[in-house]
Amino acid sequence: MTGIIEIDHLSKQYGSGTKALSDVSLTINEGEIIALLGPNGAGKTTLISIICGLVVPTGGTVRVGGHDIRTDWRAARRMIGLVPQEIALEPFEKVINSVRFTRGLYGEGPDDAYIEQVLRSLALWDKRDAATKELSGGMKRRVLIAKALAHRPKVLFLDEPTAGVDVALRREMWQVVEQLRRDGVTIILTTHYLEEAEEMADRVGVINHGQLLLVKPTAELMDEFGKKTLTIELDEPLPEIPAALADRDLSLTEGGKALRYDYDTRAERTGIARLLGDLAAHGITVRDVSTRQSNLEEVFMTLVTETQDEVTA
């Protein structure tokens, strides 16, 4: 794939001395979906704002489709659509006119057939003549997406796009996102719904304290940092873990009805067979076993905690 966004040693420091971004470098491939994860204040929105031309960096370069965002900003900006976190719409404007107006801001001529296509894809066609103040929060967010798509951008930024949207609307929105990807649109999103990033994103980037900690394919990230938990249900509750098994990294569930054992799937030996043998040797009868893979939220929290420890050390 071709890099449609090239970020090279990007930094941003405000006059107050706050460093929002520090030496961020990243190449985003054409046609991929990449999720940016990080706690509030990590630098995600600052990064998006710089690429979109809303914030001026203090160092580094960004190119969109080969166009430098500072020296060739007009061409770069025409390639980008942005769905911001905040819902800012003219309350008395009709939905369809609001989308038409945004298209005109980019110098694009009228194209009602395309506007209809966008509104239908977002289930907004029936609301096209409604004033935006009459819409629910979820529908208003859909209007923001329609406005961002009005000029046929090649790159779409979604900054917390499903915040405040109910589950049904959220799923429909992600169907739209997947269709956009099939149409060749590159999508960069920030989200707190980590299960969505795990399901939808080709790659995941983790940002904290203005630093890009890593960018990896989602499956690879899970393989590298994810662990599995083995839950061993017991025939009889245990009052405590036997002393002979104290070094096995076991934990006892409330009520003593099950043991939990975390293990690394990448290890040459997981130790499961030996553990089950030791339990039998101590007269502990196993009723059932099950495993659970760590999810992206747990991986994310591990990475952020490790970085915070490094900063405070």
Protein backbone atom coordinates (compact mmCIF):
# COMPACT_ATOMS: atom_id res chain seq x y z
CA MET A 1 0.00 0.00 0.00
CA THR A 2 1.03 3.62 -0.61
CA GLY A 3 1.50 6.02 2.31
CA ILE A 4 -1.21 8.65 1.93
CA ILE A 5 -0.23 10.44 5.17
CA GLU A 6 3.44 10.85 6.12
CA ILE A 7 4.20 12.31 9.54
CA ASP A 8 7.86 13.00 10.26
CA HIS A 9 9.20 14.01 13.71
CA LEU A 10 6.11 16.07 14.50
CA SER A 11 6.01 18.09 17.71
CA LYS A 12 3.78 20.70 19.31
CA GLN A 13 4.57 22.84 22.32
CA TYR A 14 2.25 25.59 23.48
CA GLY A 15 3.34 28.96 24.84
CA SER A 16 2.59 27.80 28.37
CA GLY A 17 5.31 25.18 27.99
CA THR A 18 2.89 22.26 27.65
CA LYS A 19 4.25 19.71 25.20
CA ALA A 20 1.26 18.15 23.42
CA LEU A 21 3.26 16.09 20.92
CA SER A 22 6.85 14.93 21.01
CA ASP A 23 8.73 13.63 17.93
CA VAL A 24 5.83 11.68 16.40
CA SER A 25 6.54 9.82 13.16
CA LEU A 26 3.94 7.71 11.39
CA THR A 27 3.03 6.58 7.88
CA ILE A 28 -0.64 5.83 7.22
CA ASN A 29 -1.36 3.61 4.25
CA GLU A 30 -3.94 4.39 1.61
CA GLY A 31 -7.20 2.53 2.19
CA GLU A 32 -6.54 1.35 5.74
CA ILE A 33 -8.36 1.98 9.00
CA ILE A 34 -6.07 2.98 11.85
CA ALA A 35 -7.28 3.54 15.42
CA LEU A 36 -5.51 5.97 17.75
CA LEU A 37 -5.95 5.11 21.40
CA GLY A 38 -4.92 7.10 24.42
CA PRO A 39 -6.29 8.68 27.61
CA ASN A 40 -7.75 12.18 27.64
CA GLY A 41 -4.99 14.72 27.04
CA ALA A 42 -2.68 12.15 25.43
CA GLY A 43 -2.29 14.18 22.21
CA LYS A 44 -4.72 12.41 19.86
CA THR A 45 -6.84 15.45 19.04
CA THR A 46 -3.75 17.67 18.72
CA LEU A 47 -2.29 15.26 16.16
CA ILE A 48 -5.52 15.23 14.15
CA SER A 49 -5.84 19.02 14.37
CA ILE A 50 -2.33 19.55 13.00
CA ILE A 51 -2.91 17.22 10.04
CA CYS A 52 -6.20 18.98 9.30
CA GLY A 53 -4.55 22.42 9.40
CA LEU A 54 -6.31 23.61 12.55
CA VAL A 55 -3.20 23.76 14.74
CA VAL A 56 0.30 24.86 13.72
CA PRO A 57 3.09 22.45 14.72
CA THR A 58 6.31 23.66 16.33
CA GLY A 59 8.44 21.06 14.58
CA GLY A 60 8.37 18.32 11.97
CA THR A 61 6.45 17.86 8.74
CA VAL A 62 3.19 16.30 7.56
CA ARG A 63 2.30 15.42 3.97
CA VAL A 64 -1.13 14.32 2.79
CA GLY A 65 -1.15 12.73 -0.65
CA GLY A 66 2.31 14.20 -1.15
CA HIS A 67 1.14 17.75 -0.27
CA ASP A 68 2.84 19.49 2.65
CA ILE A 69 0.18 20.74 5.07
CA ARG A 70 1.97 24.07 5.50
CA THR A 71 3.41 24.93 2.08
CA ASP A 72 0.67 23.29 0.01
CA TRP A 73 -2.14 23.47 2.52
CA ARG A 74 -5.01 24.02 0.11
CA ALA A 75 -4.38 20.78 -1.84
CA ALA A 76 -3.75 18.85 1.38
CA ARG A 77 -6.91 20.13 3.03
CA ARG A 78 -9.11 19.22 0.06
CA MET A 79 -8.15 15.57 0.55
CA ILE A 80 -9.34 15.52 4.18
CA GLY A 81 -12.72 15.17 5.84
CA LEU A 82 -13.00 15.73 9.60
CA VAL A 83 -15.70 14.64 12.02
CA PRO A 84 -14.91 16.51 15.27
CA GLN A 85 -15.82 15.47 18.80
CA GLU A 86 -18.01 18.51 19.37
CA ILE A 87 -21.40 18.74 17.69
CA ALA A 88 -21.48 22.23 16.16
CA LEU A 89 -24.34 22.69 13.68
CA GLU A 90 -26.51 25.63 12.66
CA PRO A 91 -29.70 24.72 14.60
CA PHE A 92 -32.23 26.14 12.11
CA GLU A 93 -30.55 24.94 8.91
CA LYS A 94 -32.01 22.01 6.99
CA VAL A 95 -29.85 18.89 6.96
CA ILE A 96 -29.46 18.79 3.19
CA ASN A 97 -28.56 22.49 2.96
CA SER A 98 -25.97 22.09 5.71
CA VAL A 99 -24.25 19.33 3.74
CA ARG A 100 -24.50 21.30 0.48
CA PHE A 101 -22.93 24.33 2.16
CA THR A 102 -19.93 22.32 3.37
CA ARG A 103 -19.41 20.96 -0.13
CA GLY A 104 -19.35 24.52 -1.45
CA LEU A 105 -16.70 25.54 1.08
CA TYR A 106 -14.28 23.22 -0.70
CA GLY A 107 -15.04 24.82 -4.06
CA GLU A 108 -17.04 21.84 -5.30
CA GLY A 109 -19.99 22.45 -7.57
CA PRO A 110 -23.54 21.20 -6.86
CA ASP A 111 -24.01 17.43 -7.00
CA ASP A 112 -27.37 16.55 -5.48
CA ALA A 113 -27.09 12.93 -6.66
CA TYR A 114 -23.94 12.48 -4.57
CA ILE A 115 -25.44 14.34 -1.59
CA GLU A 116 -28.45 12.02 -1.74
CA GLN A 117 -26.14 9.00 -1.83
CA VAL A 118 -24.29 10.20 1.29
CA LEU A 119 -27.50 10.99 3.19
CA ARG A 120 -29.04 7.64 2.31
CA SER A 121 -25.91 5.76 3.39
CA LEU A 122 -26.20 7.44 6.80
CA ALA A 123 -29.98 6.92 7.09
CA LEU A 124 -30.50 10.69 6.89
CA TRP A 125 -32.45 10.95 3.65
CA ASP A 126 -35.81 10.98 5.41
CA LYS A 127 -34.50 13.82 7.61
CA ARG A 128 -33.09 15.89 4.75
CA ASP A 129 -35.61 18.75 5.20
CA ALA A 130 -35.56 18.69 9.02
CA ALA A 131 -33.84 21.47 10.94
CA THR A 132 -30.78 20.10 12.72
CA LYS A 133 -32.15 21.26 16.08
CA GLU A 134 -34.93 18.68 15.70
CA LEU A 135 -32.52 15.76 15.50
CA SER A 136 -31.31 13.46 18.26
CA GLY A 137 -27.66 13.56 19.33
CA GLY A 138 -26.90 10.43 17.32
CA MET A 139 -28.51 11.82 14.18
CA LYS A 140 -26.63 15.10 14.58
CA ARG A 141 -23.39 13.13 14.65
CA ARG A 142 -24.44 11.46 11.41
CA VAL A 143 -24.91 14.91 9.88
CA LEU A 144 -21.32 15.73 10.88
CA ILE A 145 -20.15 12.64 9.02
CA ALA A 146 -22.23 13.61 5.97
CA LYS A 147 -20.69 17.09 5.98
CA ALA A 148 -17.20 15.59 6.25
CA LEU A 149 -17.92 13.42 3.20
CA ALA A 150 -19.54 16.18 1.15
CA HIS A 151 -16.45 16.94 -0.97
CA ARG A 152 -15.42 13.28 -1.54
CA PRO A 153 -12.30 13.27 0.64
CA LYS A 154 -9.62 10.59 0.30
CA VAL A 155 -8.90 10.70 4.05
CA LEU A 156 -11.52 10.77 6.80
CA PHE A 157 -10.74 11.62 10.44
CA LEU A 158 -13.27 10.44 13.00
CA ASP A 159 -12.57 12.00 16.40
CA GLU A 160 -14.71 10.00 18.87
CA PRO A 161 -17.43 9.58 16.20
CA THR A 162 -19.75 7.32 18.20
CA ALA A 163 -19.73 9.25 21.48
CA GLY A 164 -23.31 9.56 22.70
CA VAL A 165 -24.65 7.22 20.02
CA ASP A 166 -26.77 4.23 21.04
CA VAL A 167 -25.62 0.70 20.26
CA ALA A 168 -27.87 0.22 17.21
CA LEU A 169 -26.79 3.49 15.58
CA ARG A 170 -23.16 2.79 16.43
CA ARG A 171 -23.25 -0.53 14.60
CA GLU A 172 -24.89 1.07 11.59
CA MET A 173 -22.21 3.75 11.56
CA TRP A 174 -19.45 1.15 11.52
CA GLN A 175 -21.13 -0.49 8.54
CA VAL A 176 -20.85 2.88 6.81
CA VAL A 177 -17.18 3.11 7.82
CA GLU A 178 -16.48 -0.33 6.40
CA GLN A 179 -18.18 0.63 3.14
CA LEU A 180 -16.07 3.79 2.95
CA ARG A 181 -12.95 1.69 3.34
CA ARG A 182 -14.12 -0.55 0.50
CA ASP A 183 -14.55 2.61 -1.56
CA GLY A 184 -10.89 3.43 -0.96
CA VAL A 185 -11.22 6.06 1.79
CA THR A 186 -8.45 6.02 4.38
CA ILE A 187 -9.91 6.29 7.89
CA ILE A 188 -8.18 7.46 11.06
CA LEU A 189 -10.27 7.28 14.20
CA THR A 190 -9.97 7.92 17.88
CA THR A 191 -12.31 6.04 20.14
CA HIS A 192 -12.98 5.02 23.72
CA TYR A 193 -14.97 2.02 22.52
CA LEU A 194 -11.93 -0.21 22.42
CA GLU A 195 -13.83 -3.26 21.24
CA GLU A 196 -14.59 -1.33 18.05
CA ALA A 197 -10.93 -0.60 17.46
CA GLU A 198 -10.14 -4.26 18.02
CA GLU A 199 -12.80 -5.33 15.54
CA MET A 200 -12.50 -2.64 12.86
CA ALA A 201 -8.93 -1.31 12.74
CA ASP A 202 -6.18 -2.75 10.57
CA ARG A 203 -3.63 -1.14 12.87
CA VAL A 204 -3.70 0.38 16.33
CA GLY A 205 -1.55 3.27 17.54
CA VAL A 206 -1.19 4.03 21.24
CA ILE A 207 -0.48 7.63 22.30
CA ASN A 208 0.33 8.82 25.80
CA HIS A 209 1.97 12.01 27.11
CA GLY A 210 2.33 13.24 23.52
CA GLN A 211 4.40 10.24 22.47
CA LEU A 212 3.45 7.57 19.98
CA LEU A 213 4.26 4.45 21.97
CA LEU A 214 3.72 2.00 19.15
CA VAL A 215 1.79 1.27 15.98
CA LYS A 216 1.10 -2.36 15.18
CA PRO A 217 -1.35 -4.48 13.22
CA THR A 218 -4.23 -5.21 15.58
CA ALA A 219 -3.81 -8.99 15.48
CA GLU A 220 -0.06 -8.68 16.03
CA LEU A 221 -0.59 -6.37 18.99
CA MET A 222 -2.95 -8.87 20.57
CA ASP A 223 -0.51 -11.71 19.97
CA GLU A 224 2.39 -9.77 21.44
CA PHE A 225 0.79 -8.21 24.48
CA GLY A 226 -2.33 -10.26 24.98
CA LYS A 227 -2.36 -13.04 27.52
CA LYS A 228 -4.76 -15.84 28.12
CA THR A 229 -6.40 -16.67 31.42
CA LEU A 230 -7.12 -20.29 32.27
CA THR A 231 -10.06 -20.69 34.65
CA ILE A 232 -10.10 -24.02 36.47
CA GLU A 233 -13.44 -24.86 38.07
CA LEU A 234 -13.11 -27.16 41.08
CA ASP A 235 -15.33 -29.92 42.40
CA GLU A 236 -14.81 -28.72 45.95
CA PRO A 237 -14.03 -25.15 47.09
CA LEU A 238 -10.53 -24.46 48.37
CA PRO A 239 -10.01 -22.34 51.49
CA GLU A 240 -6.59 -21.26 50.13
CA ILE A 241 -4.01 -22.14 47.50
CA PRO A 242 -1.81 -25.03 48.72
CA ALA A 243 1.67 -23.89 49.78
CA ALA A 244 3.26 -26.25 47.26
CA LEU A 245 1.53 -24.30 44.45
CA ALA A 246 2.23 -20.82 45.79
CA ASP A 247 4.88 -20.16 43.12
CA ARG A 248 2.57 -20.93 40.20
CA ASP A 249 1.00 -17.44 39.82
CA LEU A 250 -2.42 -18.77 40.71
CA SER A 251 -5.29 -16.76 42.12
CA LEU A 252 -8.34 -18.11 43.93
CA THR A 253 -11.78 -16.77 43.03
CA GLU A 254 -14.19 -15.57 45.68
CA GLY A 255 -15.63 -18.56 47.45
CA GLY A 256 -12.69 -20.74 46.40
CA LYS A 257 -14.65 -22.44 43.63
CA ALA A 258 -12.14 -21.78 40.86
CA LEU A 259 -8.46 -21.07 40.22
CA ARG A 260 -7.20 -18.57 37.66
CA TYR A 261 -3.89 -18.94 35.86
CA ASP A 262 -2.48 -16.31 33.48
CA TYR A 263 -0.09 -17.54 30.82
CA ASP A 264 1.73 -16.20 27.79
CA THR A 265 0.62 -17.82 24.55
CA ARG A 266 4.04 -17.07 23.01
CA ALA A 267 5.94 -19.03 25.65
CA GLU A 268 7.53 -22.32 24.59
CA ARG A 269 5.74 -24.01 27.49
CA THR A 270 2.55 -22.67 29.05
CA GLY A 271 2.84 -24.84 32.16
CA ILE A 272 -0.81 -25.90 31.91
CA ALA A 273 -0.15 -29.64 31.71
CA ARG A 274 2.19 -29.52 34.70
CA LEU A 275 -0.28 -27.41 36.66
CA LEU A 276 -3.16 -29.82 36.09
CA GLY A 277 -0.88 -32.72 37.07
CA ASP A 278 0.12 -30.95 40.28
CA LEU A 279 -3.52 -30.29 41.15
CA ALA A 280 -4.33 -33.97 40.72
CA ALA A 281 -1.32 -34.92 42.82
CA HIS A 282 -2.67 -32.76 45.65
CA GLY A 283 -6.08 -34.38 45.45
CA ILE A 284 -7.75 -31.34 43.87
CA THR A 285 -10.42 -32.51 41.43
CA VAL A 286 -11.03 -30.35 38.36
CA ARG A 287 -14.60 -30.04 37.10
CA ASP A 288 -13.99 -27.92 34.01
CA VAL A 289 -11.46 -25.57 32.38
CA SER A 290 -11.91 -22.57 30.09
CA THR A 291 -9.66 -19.90 28.58
CA ARG A 292 -10.13 -16.20 27.85
CA GLN A 293 -7.96 -13.97 25.67
CA SER A 294 -7.02 -10.50 26.92
CA ASN A 295 -8.94 -7.80 25.07
CA LEU A 296 -7.52 -4.62 23.61
CA GLU A 297 -8.58 -2.55 26.62
CA GLU A 298 -6.42 -4.66 28.91
CA VAL A 299 -3.51 -4.43 26.46
CA PHE A 300 -3.98 -0.65 26.23
CA MET A 301 -4.06 -0.19 30.01
CA THR A 302 -0.89 -2.26 30.35
CA LEU A 303 0.94 -0.09 27.81
CA VAL A 304 -0.25 3.19 29.34
CA THR A 305 0.60 2.08 32.87
CA GLU A 306 4.09 1.05 31.78
CA THR A 307 4.64 4.44 30.13
CA GLN A 308 3.38 6.34 33.19
CA ASP A 309 5.76 4.36 35.35
CA GLU A 310 8.65 5.32 33.05
CA VAL A 311 7.68 9.02 33.17
CA THR A 312 7.45 9.11 36.97
CA ALA A 313 10.57 6.99 37.52
